[in-house]
Amino acid sequence: MNHQTERIYLYPVWIRIWHMINALLCLTLIATGLSIQFSNPDTVIKFKTAVSVHNIAGIIMTISYTCFFVGNLFTANGAYYVIPVKGYFLRMKKQFYYYTIGLFKKEKAPFPVTEENKFNPLQQSTYVVLMYALVPFVVLSGWGLLYPEVTVKSFVGFSGLDLTDLFHIFAGFTISIIMCVHIYFCTIGKSPWSNFKSMLNGFHESH
């Protein structure tokens, strides 16, 4: 039986450009961040180089995130990040079941991609936390480390700079884990490459 492929234009040019730039920046920040955190003479990226590249990538990330935030304020893309409260936990339960059991039983996705709903409930919640909490947090803490003179000197008896560094590392590792999971789930589509292709042509493909 032949299945007809449905193509939906979901990713405007500015989103695709931003997404590709953001992906490169994240990979750069992860590689240099790990080199800084676990620096030793045998590290592929030397400490001084890693710090310089990390700082530059962080500054560009700040500009990139600002473009994303402003874009979501003034374009229809921002609506995808508004989470409906009614039925939230039921939707999450259905999506979690699909990812852990239904997907492997070849069951139909409970929340197929449409023009109105680009993300399933689990994706939407994750992206809201990522883009409106973790990324701003890692950016702000990064600036706090870049300009330590403006960082709070102490907080409840702890060094403000040490806490800023700890929170920056925690947020960075969390974003790294989310990125790995995101790449894996991108392979779950019409084909393992269809979701990656959509970032080039703007069209989401589904049966």
N, C-alpha and C. Protein backbone atom coordinates (compact mmCIF):
# COMPACT_ATOMS: atom_id res chain seq x y z
N MET A 1 0.83 -1.19 0.00
CA MET A 1 0.00 0.00 0.00
C MET A 1 0.87 1.25 0.00
N ASN A 2 0.64 2.18 -0.91
CA ASN A 2 1.44 3.38 -1.02
C ASN A 2 0.95 4.44 -0.02
N HIS A 3 1.89 5.11 0.61
CA HIS A 3 1.56 6.17 1.54
C HIS A 3 1.93 7.50 0.88
N GLN A 4 1.00 8.43 0.87
CA GLN A 4 1.24 9.72 0.27
C GLN A 4 1.92 10.62 1.30
N THR A 5 2.98 11.27 0.86
CA THR A 5 3.72 12.14 1.75
C THR A 5 3.10 13.54 1.78
N GLU A 6 2.90 14.04 2.99
CA GLU A 6 2.38 15.39 3.15
C GLU A 6 3.54 16.32 3.50
N ARG A 7 3.63 17.44 2.78
CA ARG A 7 4.68 18.41 3.04
C ARG A 7 4.06 19.69 3.57
N ILE A 8 4.54 20.13 4.74
CA ILE A 8 4.03 21.35 5.36
C ILE A 8 5.19 22.33 5.53
N TYR A 9 5.01 23.54 5.05
CA TYR A 9 6.06 24.55 5.19
C TYR A 9 6.00 25.12 6.61
N LEU A 10 6.97 24.73 7.44
CA LEU A 10 6.96 25.11 8.85
C LEU A 10 8.12 25.99 9.26
N TYR A 11 9.19 25.97 8.50
CA TYR A 11 10.41 26.64 8.94
C TYR A 11 10.81 27.77 7.99
N PRO A 12 10.43 29.02 8.32
CA PRO A 12 10.80 30.15 7.47
C PRO A 12 12.32 30.32 7.43
N VAL A 13 12.78 31.10 6.48
CA VAL A 13 14.22 31.26 6.25
C VAL A 13 14.94 31.72 7.51
N TRP A 14 14.38 32.69 8.23
CA TRP A 14 15.11 33.22 9.39
C TRP A 14 15.28 32.17 10.47
N ILE A 15 14.29 31.28 10.62
CA ILE A 15 14.40 30.20 11.61
C ILE A 15 15.48 29.22 11.19
N ARG A 16 15.52 28.89 9.90
CA ARG A 16 16.53 27.93 9.43
C ARG A 16 17.94 28.48 9.58
N ILE A 17 18.13 29.75 9.22
CA ILE A 17 19.45 30.37 9.36
C ILE A 17 19.85 30.42 10.84
N TRP A 18 18.90 30.86 11.67
CA TRP A 18 19.19 30.93 13.10
C TRP A 18 19.51 29.55 13.66
N HIS A 19 18.75 28.53 13.26
CA HIS A 19 18.95 27.18 13.78
C HIS A 19 20.33 26.64 13.42
N MET A 20 20.76 26.86 12.18
CA MET A 20 22.07 26.36 11.75
C MET A 20 23.21 27.10 12.46
N ILE A 21 23.06 28.42 12.60
CA ILE A 21 24.07 29.19 13.32
C ILE A 21 24.12 28.75 14.78
N ASN A 22 22.96 28.57 15.37
CA ASN A 22 22.87 28.17 16.77
C ASN A 22 23.49 26.79 16.99
N ALA A 23 23.26 25.87 16.05
CA ALA A 23 23.84 24.52 16.17
C ALA A 23 25.36 24.58 16.16
N LEU A 24 25.93 25.37 15.24
CA LEU A 24 27.38 25.53 15.16
C LEU A 24 27.94 26.17 16.44
N LEU A 25 27.24 27.17 16.94
CA LEU A 25 27.68 27.84 18.16
C LEU A 25 27.65 26.89 19.35
N CYS A 26 26.58 26.09 19.46
CA CYS A 26 26.46 25.13 20.56
C CYS A 26 27.59 24.11 20.52
N LEU A 27 27.87 23.58 19.35
CA LEU A 27 28.96 22.60 19.22
C LEU A 27 30.30 23.23 19.58
N THR A 28 30.51 24.47 19.15
CA THR A 28 31.75 25.18 19.47
C THR A 28 31.87 25.42 20.96
N LEU A 29 30.78 25.86 21.58
CA LEU A 29 30.79 26.14 23.01
C LEU A 29 30.97 24.86 23.83
N ILE A 30 30.36 23.76 23.38
CA ILE A 30 30.52 22.49 24.09
C ILE A 30 31.97 22.02 24.01
N ALA A 31 32.55 22.05 22.80
CA ALA A 31 33.93 21.57 22.61
C ALA A 31 34.92 22.42 23.41
N THR A 32 34.78 23.73 23.32
CA THR A 32 35.72 24.61 24.04
C THR A 32 35.44 24.58 25.55
N GLY A 33 34.17 24.47 25.92
CA GLY A 33 33.83 24.41 27.34
C GLY A 33 34.42 23.18 28.01
N LEU A 34 34.33 22.03 27.32
CA LEU A 34 34.93 20.81 27.86
C LEU A 34 36.45 20.93 27.94
N SER A 35 37.04 21.59 26.94
CA SER A 35 38.50 21.78 26.94
C SER A 35 38.94 22.66 28.10
N ILE A 36 38.13 23.67 28.42
CA ILE A 36 38.43 24.54 29.56
C ILE A 36 38.26 23.79 30.87
N GLN A 37 37.15 23.04 30.96
CA GLN A 37 36.83 22.33 32.20
C GLN A 37 37.81 21.23 32.52
N PHE A 38 38.28 20.52 31.48
CA PHE A 38 39.17 19.38 31.68
C PHE A 38 40.52 19.62 31.01
N SER A 39 41.02 20.82 31.18
CA SER A 39 42.27 21.20 30.50
C SER A 39 43.47 20.43 31.05
N ASN A 40 44.30 19.97 30.13
CA ASN A 40 45.57 19.36 30.46
C ASN A 40 46.47 19.46 29.23
N PRO A 41 47.75 19.19 29.34
CA PRO A 41 48.66 19.36 28.20
C PRO A 41 48.28 18.57 26.96
N ASP A 42 47.50 17.48 27.12
CA ASP A 42 47.14 16.64 25.98
C ASP A 42 45.79 17.03 25.36
N THR A 43 45.13 18.07 25.89
CA THR A 43 43.85 18.49 25.35
C THR A 43 44.01 18.96 23.91
N VAL A 44 43.08 18.55 23.05
CA VAL A 44 43.16 18.91 21.62
C VAL A 44 43.14 20.42 21.45
N ILE A 45 42.22 21.10 22.14
CA ILE A 45 42.14 22.56 22.07
C ILE A 45 42.85 23.11 23.31
N LYS A 46 43.92 23.84 23.11
CA LYS A 46 44.69 24.36 24.22
C LYS A 46 43.86 25.35 25.04
N PHE A 47 44.17 25.46 26.33
CA PHE A 47 43.36 26.24 27.26
C PHE A 47 43.18 27.68 26.79
N LYS A 48 44.25 28.36 26.46
CA LYS A 48 44.15 29.77 26.08
C LYS A 48 43.30 29.95 24.83
N THR A 49 43.49 29.05 23.85
CA THR A 49 42.70 29.11 22.62
C THR A 49 41.24 28.80 22.92
N ALA A 50 41.01 27.80 23.76
CA ALA A 50 39.64 27.41 24.11
C ALA A 50 38.90 28.56 24.78
N VAL A 51 39.57 29.27 25.69
CA VAL A 51 38.95 30.40 26.38
C VAL A 51 38.58 31.49 25.39
N SER A 52 39.50 31.83 24.50
CA SER A 52 39.25 32.90 23.52
C SER A 52 38.09 32.55 22.60
N VAL A 53 38.11 31.32 22.06
CA VAL A 53 37.05 30.89 21.13
C VAL A 53 35.72 30.79 21.87
N HIS A 54 35.75 30.30 23.11
CA HIS A 54 34.53 30.16 23.92
C HIS A 54 33.90 31.54 24.17
N ASN A 55 34.74 32.51 24.50
CA ASN A 55 34.23 33.85 24.77
C ASN A 55 33.61 34.48 23.52
N ILE A 56 34.29 34.33 22.38
CA ILE A 56 33.78 34.89 21.13
C ILE A 56 32.46 34.22 20.74
N ALA A 57 32.43 32.88 20.83
CA ALA A 57 31.20 32.14 20.51
C ALA A 57 30.07 32.53 21.45
N GLY A 58 30.41 32.78 22.72
CA GLY A 58 29.40 33.19 23.70
C GLY A 58 28.80 34.55 23.36
N ILE A 59 29.63 35.46 22.90
CA ILE A 59 29.15 36.79 22.51
C ILE A 59 28.22 36.68 21.29
N ILE A 60 28.63 35.85 20.32
CA ILE A 60 27.79 35.64 19.14
C ILE A 60 26.48 34.95 19.53
N MET A 61 26.56 34.01 20.49
CA MET A 61 25.37 33.33 20.99
C MET A 61 24.39 34.33 21.61
N THR A 62 24.92 35.31 22.31
CA THR A 62 24.07 36.34 22.91
C THR A 62 23.29 37.08 21.83
N ILE A 63 23.97 37.44 20.74
CA ILE A 63 23.32 38.13 19.62
C ILE A 63 22.30 37.21 18.97
N SER A 64 22.69 35.94 18.78
CA SER A 64 21.81 34.96 18.16
C SER A 64 20.53 34.76 18.97
N TYR A 65 20.71 34.63 20.30
CA TYR A 65 19.54 34.43 21.15
C TYR A 65 18.63 35.66 21.14
N THR A 66 19.23 36.84 21.12
CA THR A 66 18.44 38.07 21.06
C THR A 66 17.59 38.10 19.79
N CYS A 67 18.17 37.67 18.67
CA CYS A 67 17.42 37.60 17.40
C CYS A 67 16.25 36.62 17.52
N PHE A 68 16.51 35.47 18.16
CA PHE A 68 15.45 34.48 18.36
C PHE A 68 14.33 35.05 19.23
N PHE A 69 14.70 35.68 20.33
CA PHE A 69 13.72 36.21 21.27
C PHE A 69 12.87 37.30 20.61
N VAL A 70 13.52 38.22 19.92
CA VAL A 70 12.78 39.29 19.24
C VAL A 70 11.92 38.72 18.12
N GLY A 71 12.47 37.74 17.39
CA GLY A 71 11.73 37.09 16.31
C GLY A 71 10.46 36.44 16.81
N ASN A 72 10.54 35.79 17.99
CA ASN A 72 9.36 35.14 18.57
C ASN A 72 8.34 36.15 19.07
N LEU A 73 8.80 37.34 19.42
CA LEU A 73 7.87 38.39 19.86
C LEU A 73 7.06 38.95 18.70
N PHE A 74 7.69 39.03 17.53
CA PHE A 74 7.07 39.76 16.42
C PHE A 74 6.68 38.89 15.22
N THR A 75 6.83 37.56 15.35
CA THR A 75 6.39 36.68 14.27
C THR A 75 5.49 35.59 14.84
N ALA A 76 4.86 34.85 13.94
CA ALA A 76 3.95 33.77 14.35
C ALA A 76 4.69 32.63 15.03
N ASN A 77 6.01 32.57 14.89
CA ASN A 77 6.77 31.46 15.49
C ASN A 77 6.64 31.43 17.01
N GLY A 78 6.42 32.60 17.63
CA GLY A 78 6.31 32.66 19.08
C GLY A 78 5.13 31.87 19.63
N ALA A 79 4.08 31.69 18.80
CA ALA A 79 2.88 30.98 19.26
C ALA A 79 3.18 29.51 19.56
N TYR A 80 4.21 28.95 18.91
CA TYR A 80 4.54 27.54 19.15
C TYR A 80 5.09 27.31 20.55
N TYR A 81 5.50 28.38 21.23
CA TYR A 81 6.09 28.26 22.56
C TYR A 81 5.11 28.60 23.68
N VAL A 82 3.83 28.78 23.32
CA VAL A 82 2.79 29.04 24.31
C VAL A 82 2.14 27.71 24.68
N ILE A 83 2.29 27.29 25.93
CA ILE A 83 1.81 25.98 26.37
C ILE A 83 0.38 26.09 26.91
N PRO A 84 -0.59 25.40 26.29
CA PRO A 84 -1.95 25.39 26.84
C PRO A 84 -1.97 24.66 28.19
N VAL A 85 -2.59 25.27 29.18
CA VAL A 85 -2.60 24.69 30.52
C VAL A 85 -3.58 23.51 30.60
N LYS A 86 -4.76 23.66 30.00
CA LYS A 86 -5.79 22.64 30.10
C LYS A 86 -5.33 21.32 29.45
N GLY A 87 -5.41 20.25 30.20
CA GLY A 87 -5.04 18.93 29.69
C GLY A 87 -3.55 18.71 29.55
N TYR A 88 -2.74 19.55 30.19
CA TYR A 88 -1.28 19.49 30.01
C TYR A 88 -0.71 18.13 30.39
N PHE A 89 -1.04 17.64 31.59
CA PHE A 89 -0.44 16.39 32.07
C PHE A 89 -0.93 15.18 31.28
N LEU A 90 -2.15 15.22 30.80
CA LEU A 90 -2.65 14.14 29.97
C LEU A 90 -1.91 14.08 28.65
N ARG A 91 -1.67 15.25 28.05
CA ARG A 91 -0.92 15.31 26.79
C ARG A 91 0.51 14.81 26.99
N MET A 92 1.11 15.20 28.09
CA MET A 92 2.48 14.76 28.37
C MET A 92 2.53 13.25 28.56
N LYS A 93 1.53 12.70 29.25
CA LYS A 93 1.46 11.25 29.49
C LYS A 93 1.36 10.50 28.17
N LYS A 94 0.50 10.98 27.26
CA LYS A 94 0.33 10.34 25.96
C LYS A 94 1.62 10.37 25.15
N GLN A 95 2.31 11.53 25.17
CA GLN A 95 3.53 11.66 24.39
C GLN A 95 4.65 10.82 24.98
N PHE A 96 4.73 10.76 26.30
CA PHE A 96 5.75 9.95 26.96
C PHE A 96 5.54 8.47 26.65
N TYR A 97 4.28 8.04 26.68
CA TYR A 97 3.97 6.65 26.33
C TYR A 97 4.40 6.35 24.90
N TYR A 98 4.13 7.30 24.00
CA TYR A 98 4.48 7.07 22.59
C TYR A 98 5.99 6.93 22.43
N TYR A 99 6.75 7.79 23.06
CA TYR A 99 8.21 7.75 22.92
C TYR A 99 8.82 6.50 23.54
N THR A 100 8.22 6.01 24.62
CA THR A 100 8.81 4.87 25.33
C THR A 100 8.26 3.53 24.89
N ILE A 101 7.03 3.49 24.39
CA ILE A 101 6.40 2.22 24.02
C ILE A 101 5.77 2.27 22.62
N GLY A 102 4.89 3.22 22.40
CA GLY A 102 4.14 3.29 21.14
C GLY A 102 4.99 3.38 19.90
N LEU A 103 6.07 4.14 19.97
CA LEU A 103 6.96 4.29 18.82
C LEU A 103 7.52 2.95 18.36
N PHE A 104 7.90 2.11 19.32
CA PHE A 104 8.52 0.83 19.01
C PHE A 104 7.49 -0.23 18.61
N LYS A 105 6.21 0.07 18.87
CA LYS A 105 5.12 -0.81 18.44
C LYS A 105 4.49 -0.31 17.14
N LYS A 106 5.14 0.69 16.53
CA LYS A 106 4.69 1.26 15.25
C LYS A 106 3.30 1.90 15.36
N GLU A 107 2.98 2.39 16.55
CA GLU A 107 1.70 3.06 16.72
C GLU A 107 1.74 4.48 16.14
N LYS A 108 0.59 5.03 15.86
CA LYS A 108 0.50 6.37 15.29
C LYS A 108 0.82 7.40 16.36
N ALA A 109 1.56 8.44 15.97
CA ALA A 109 1.91 9.51 16.90
C ALA A 109 0.64 10.20 17.40
N PRO A 110 0.53 10.44 18.72
CA PRO A 110 -0.69 11.05 19.26
C PRO A 110 -0.85 12.52 18.89
N PHE A 111 0.27 13.17 18.56
CA PHE A 111 0.23 14.59 18.22
C PHE A 111 1.03 14.83 16.95
N PRO A 112 0.46 14.51 15.78
CA PRO A 112 1.18 14.71 14.51
C PRO A 112 1.45 16.19 14.26
N VAL A 113 2.48 16.46 13.52
CA VAL A 113 2.87 17.83 13.20
C VAL A 113 1.85 18.47 12.26
N THR A 114 1.42 19.67 12.62
CA THR A 114 0.52 20.45 11.77
C THR A 114 1.03 21.88 11.72
N GLU A 115 0.40 22.71 10.89
CA GLU A 115 0.80 24.12 10.83
C GLU A 115 0.54 24.82 12.15
N GLU A 116 -0.48 24.38 12.89
CA GLU A 116 -0.81 25.00 14.16
C GLU A 116 0.04 24.45 15.31
N ASN A 117 0.48 23.21 15.19
CA ASN A 117 1.25 22.57 16.26
C ASN A 117 2.53 21.96 15.69
N LYS A 118 3.58 22.75 15.72
CA LYS A 118 4.86 22.28 15.19
C LYS A 118 5.53 21.30 16.15
N PHE A 119 5.28 21.47 17.44
CA PHE A 119 5.91 20.64 18.46
C PHE A 119 4.88 19.75 19.15
N ASN A 120 5.30 18.53 19.52
CA ASN A 120 4.45 17.73 20.38
C ASN A 120 4.60 18.27 21.81
N PRO A 121 3.72 17.85 22.76
CA PRO A 121 3.76 18.43 24.11
C PRO A 121 5.10 18.32 24.82
N LEU A 122 5.78 17.19 24.66
CA LEU A 122 7.07 17.01 25.32
C LEU A 122 8.13 17.92 24.71
N GLN A 123 8.13 18.02 23.38
CA GLN A 123 9.05 18.93 22.70
C GLN A 123 8.79 20.37 23.14
N GLN A 124 7.52 20.76 23.14
CA GLN A 124 7.17 22.14 23.48
C GLN A 124 7.65 22.50 24.88
N SER A 125 7.40 21.64 25.85
CA SER A 125 7.82 21.91 27.22
C SER A 125 9.34 22.00 27.32
N THR A 126 10.03 21.07 26.64
CA THR A 126 11.49 21.06 26.68
C THR A 126 12.05 22.33 26.05
N TYR A 127 11.51 22.73 24.89
CA TYR A 127 12.03 23.91 24.20
C TYR A 127 11.74 25.19 24.96
N VAL A 128 10.60 25.24 25.66
CA VAL A 128 10.29 26.43 26.47
C VAL A 128 11.30 26.56 27.61
N VAL A 129 11.57 25.46 28.31
CA VAL A 129 12.56 25.48 29.39
C VAL A 129 13.93 25.81 28.84
N LEU A 130 14.27 25.22 27.70
CA LEU A 130 15.58 25.43 27.10
C LEU A 130 15.78 26.88 26.67
N MET A 131 14.82 27.40 25.88
CA MET A 131 15.01 28.70 25.24
C MET A 131 14.64 29.89 26.13
N TYR A 132 13.79 29.65 27.14
CA TYR A 132 13.39 30.77 27.98
C TYR A 132 13.92 30.68 29.41
N ALA A 133 14.68 29.64 29.72
CA ALA A 133 15.27 29.52 31.05
C ALA A 133 16.77 29.18 30.97
N LEU A 134 17.09 28.01 30.38
CA LEU A 134 18.48 27.55 30.39
C LEU A 134 19.41 28.42 29.55
N VAL A 135 19.00 28.74 28.32
CA VAL A 135 19.88 29.55 27.45
C VAL A 135 20.09 30.95 28.03
N PRO A 136 19.03 31.67 28.46
CA PRO A 136 19.28 32.97 29.09
C PRO A 136 20.18 32.85 30.32
N PHE A 137 19.99 31.77 31.09
CA PHE A 137 20.79 31.56 32.30
C PHE A 137 22.26 31.34 31.96
N VAL A 138 22.52 30.51 30.94
CA VAL A 138 23.92 30.24 30.59
C VAL A 138 24.57 31.47 29.96
N VAL A 139 23.77 32.27 29.24
CA VAL A 139 24.30 33.51 28.65
C VAL A 139 24.64 34.52 29.74
N LEU A 140 23.71 34.75 30.66
CA LEU A 140 23.93 35.73 31.72
C LEU A 140 25.09 35.32 32.64
N SER A 141 25.15 34.03 32.99
CA SER A 141 26.25 33.56 33.85
C SER A 141 27.57 33.64 33.10
N GLY A 142 27.53 33.43 31.78
CA GLY A 142 28.74 33.56 30.97
C GLY A 142 29.28 34.98 30.98
N TRP A 143 28.36 35.95 30.85
CA TRP A 143 28.78 37.36 30.93
C TRP A 143 29.30 37.68 32.33
N GLY A 144 28.71 37.05 33.35
CA GLY A 144 29.18 37.26 34.71
C GLY A 144 30.60 36.77 34.91
N LEU A 145 30.97 35.69 34.20
CA LEU A 145 32.33 35.17 34.27
C LEU A 145 33.28 35.99 33.40
N LEU A 146 32.75 36.52 32.29
CA LEU A 146 33.58 37.33 31.40
C LEU A 146 33.95 38.66 32.05
N TYR A 147 33.01 39.19 32.85
CA TYR A 147 33.24 40.45 33.57
C TYR A 147 33.00 40.22 35.07
N PRO A 148 33.95 39.55 35.74
CA PRO A 148 33.76 39.18 37.16
C PRO A 148 33.58 40.37 38.09
N GLU A 149 34.02 41.56 37.65
CA GLU A 149 33.89 42.73 38.51
C GLU A 149 32.43 43.13 38.75
N VAL A 150 31.53 42.68 37.86
CA VAL A 150 30.11 43.02 38.03
C VAL A 150 29.35 41.89 38.74
N THR A 151 30.01 40.77 38.97
CA THR A 151 29.38 39.64 39.63
C THR A 151 29.32 39.86 41.14
N VAL A 152 28.22 39.42 41.74
CA VAL A 152 28.06 39.54 43.19
C VAL A 152 29.25 38.87 43.89
N LYS A 153 29.83 39.59 44.83
CA LYS A 153 31.05 39.07 45.48
C LYS A 153 30.77 37.83 46.33
N SER A 154 29.65 37.84 47.04
CA SER A 154 29.32 36.67 47.86
C SER A 154 27.81 36.53 47.97
N PHE A 155 27.37 35.28 48.20
CA PHE A 155 25.95 35.00 48.34
C PHE A 155 25.77 33.92 49.39
N VAL A 156 25.08 34.26 50.48
CA VAL A 156 24.88 33.38 51.65
C VAL A 156 26.16 32.66 52.05
N GLY A 157 27.24 33.40 52.07
CA GLY A 157 28.50 32.84 52.54
C GLY A 157 29.36 32.17 51.49
N PHE A 158 28.85 32.07 50.26
CA PHE A 158 29.62 31.44 49.18
C PHE A 158 30.13 32.51 48.21
N SER A 159 31.22 32.21 47.58
CA SER A 159 31.76 33.13 46.58
C SER A 159 30.78 33.27 45.42
N GLY A 160 30.41 34.50 45.10
CA GLY A 160 29.49 34.75 43.99
C GLY A 160 30.07 34.27 42.67
N LEU A 161 31.38 34.43 42.49
CA LEU A 161 32.03 34.01 41.25
C LEU A 161 32.03 32.49 41.13
N ASP A 162 32.29 31.80 42.25
CA ASP A 162 32.28 30.34 42.23
C ASP A 162 30.88 29.80 41.92
N LEU A 163 29.86 30.42 42.51
CA LEU A 163 28.48 29.99 42.26
C LEU A 163 28.10 30.25 40.80
N THR A 164 28.52 31.40 40.28
CA THR A 164 28.23 31.72 38.88
C THR A 164 28.87 30.69 37.96
N ASP A 165 30.11 30.33 38.27
CA ASP A 165 30.83 29.32 37.48
C ASP A 165 30.12 27.97 37.57
N LEU A 166 29.69 27.59 38.79
CA LEU A 166 29.01 26.31 38.99
C LEU A 166 27.70 26.27 38.21
N PHE A 167 26.91 27.35 38.28
CA PHE A 167 25.63 27.40 37.58
C PHE A 167 25.84 27.42 36.06
N HIS A 168 26.89 28.08 35.62
CA HIS A 168 27.19 28.13 34.18
C HIS A 168 27.53 26.74 33.65
N ILE A 169 28.34 26.01 34.42
CA ILE A 169 28.72 24.65 34.03
C ILE A 169 27.49 23.74 34.04
N PHE A 170 26.67 23.84 35.09
CA PHE A 170 25.47 23.01 35.18
C PHE A 170 24.54 23.26 34.00
N ALA A 171 24.29 24.54 33.70
CA ALA A 171 23.41 24.87 32.58
C ALA A 171 24.00 24.39 31.27
N GLY A 172 25.32 24.55 31.12
CA GLY A 172 25.98 24.11 29.89
C GLY A 172 25.88 22.61 29.68
N PHE A 173 26.11 21.83 30.74
CA PHE A 173 26.01 20.37 30.62
C PHE A 173 24.57 19.96 30.33
N THR A 174 23.60 20.63 30.97
CA THR A 174 22.19 20.31 30.73
C THR A 174 21.81 20.57 29.29
N ILE A 175 22.24 21.71 28.76
CA ILE A 175 21.98 22.04 27.35
C ILE A 175 22.63 21.02 26.43
N SER A 176 23.84 20.57 26.78
CA SER A 176 24.54 19.56 25.98
C SER A 176 23.76 18.26 25.91
N ILE A 177 23.21 17.83 27.06
CA ILE A 177 22.41 16.60 27.10
C ILE A 177 21.15 16.75 26.26
N ILE A 178 20.47 17.90 26.40
CA ILE A 178 19.25 18.15 25.62
C ILE A 178 19.57 18.14 24.13
N MET A 179 20.72 18.70 23.75
CA MET A 179 21.10 18.74 22.34
C MET A 179 21.31 17.33 21.79
N CYS A 180 21.94 16.45 22.58
CA CYS A 180 22.15 15.06 22.15
C CYS A 180 20.82 14.34 21.96
N VAL A 181 19.91 14.54 22.92
CA VAL A 181 18.58 13.91 22.82
C VAL A 181 17.83 14.49 21.62
N HIS A 182 17.96 15.78 21.41
CA HIS A 182 17.30 16.46 20.29
C HIS A 182 17.76 15.86 18.95
N ILE A 183 19.05 15.65 18.81
CA ILE A 183 19.60 15.08 17.57
C ILE A 183 19.05 13.67 17.36
N TYR A 184 18.97 12.89 18.44
CA TYR A 184 18.42 11.53 18.33
C TYR A 184 16.98 11.56 17.85
N PHE A 185 16.15 12.41 18.48
CA PHE A 185 14.74 12.46 18.12
C PHE A 185 14.52 13.03 16.73
N CYS A 186 15.49 13.78 16.23
CA CYS A 186 15.39 14.28 14.85
C CYS A 186 15.44 13.14 13.83
N THR A 187 15.98 12.00 14.25
CA THR A 187 16.04 10.85 13.33
C THR A 187 14.71 10.10 13.27
N ILE A 188 13.77 10.48 14.17
CA ILE A 188 12.46 9.84 14.18
C ILE A 188 11.52 10.67 13.33
N GLY A 189 11.38 10.28 12.10
CA GLY A 189 10.52 11.02 11.18
C GLY A 189 10.13 10.12 10.03
N LYS A 190 9.76 10.73 8.92
CA LYS A 190 9.42 9.93 7.74
C LYS A 190 10.60 9.04 7.34
N SER A 191 11.79 9.60 7.48
CA SER A 191 13.03 8.85 7.29
C SER A 191 14.03 9.41 8.30
N PRO A 192 15.15 8.72 8.53
CA PRO A 192 16.12 9.23 9.50
C PRO A 192 16.69 10.60 9.13
N TRP A 193 16.55 10.99 7.85
CA TRP A 193 17.15 12.26 7.41
C TRP A 193 16.12 13.34 7.09
N SER A 194 14.84 13.01 7.11
CA SER A 194 13.82 13.97 6.67
C SER A 194 13.76 15.22 7.53
N ASN A 195 13.92 15.06 8.84
CA ASN A 195 13.87 16.23 9.72
C ASN A 195 15.10 17.12 9.55
N PHE A 196 16.23 16.52 9.22
CA PHE A 196 17.42 17.33 8.95
C PHE A 196 17.27 18.07 7.63
N LYS A 197 16.66 17.40 6.66
CA LYS A 197 16.44 18.03 5.35
C LYS A 197 15.49 19.22 5.46
N SER A 198 14.56 19.14 6.42
CA SER A 198 13.59 20.23 6.59
C SER A 198 14.26 21.53 7.00
N MET A 199 15.45 21.43 7.61
CA MET A 199 16.18 22.63 7.99
C MET A 199 16.87 23.27 6.78
N LEU A 200 16.85 22.58 5.65
CA LEU A 200 17.41 23.14 4.43
C LEU A 200 16.33 23.71 3.52
N ASN A 201 15.19 22.98 3.42
CA ASN A 201 14.15 23.44 2.49
C ASN A 201 12.92 24.04 3.18
N GLY A 202 12.83 23.90 4.50
CA GLY A 202 11.73 24.50 5.24
C GLY A 202 10.47 23.65 5.35
N PHE A 203 10.46 22.49 4.68
CA PHE A 203 9.27 21.65 4.67
C PHE A 203 9.39 20.45 5.60
N HIS A 204 8.35 20.24 6.41
CA HIS A 204 8.27 19.04 7.22
C HIS A 204 7.52 17.97 6.40
N GLU A 205 8.09 16.77 6.38
CA GLU A 205 7.46 15.68 5.63
C GLU A 205 6.89 14.65 6.59
N SER A 206 5.65 14.24 6.32
CA SER A 206 5.02 13.19 7.12
C SER A 206 4.07 12.41 6.23
N HIS A 207 3.68 11.21 6.69
CA HIS A 207 2.72 10.39 5.96
C HIS A 207 1.32 10.97 6.13
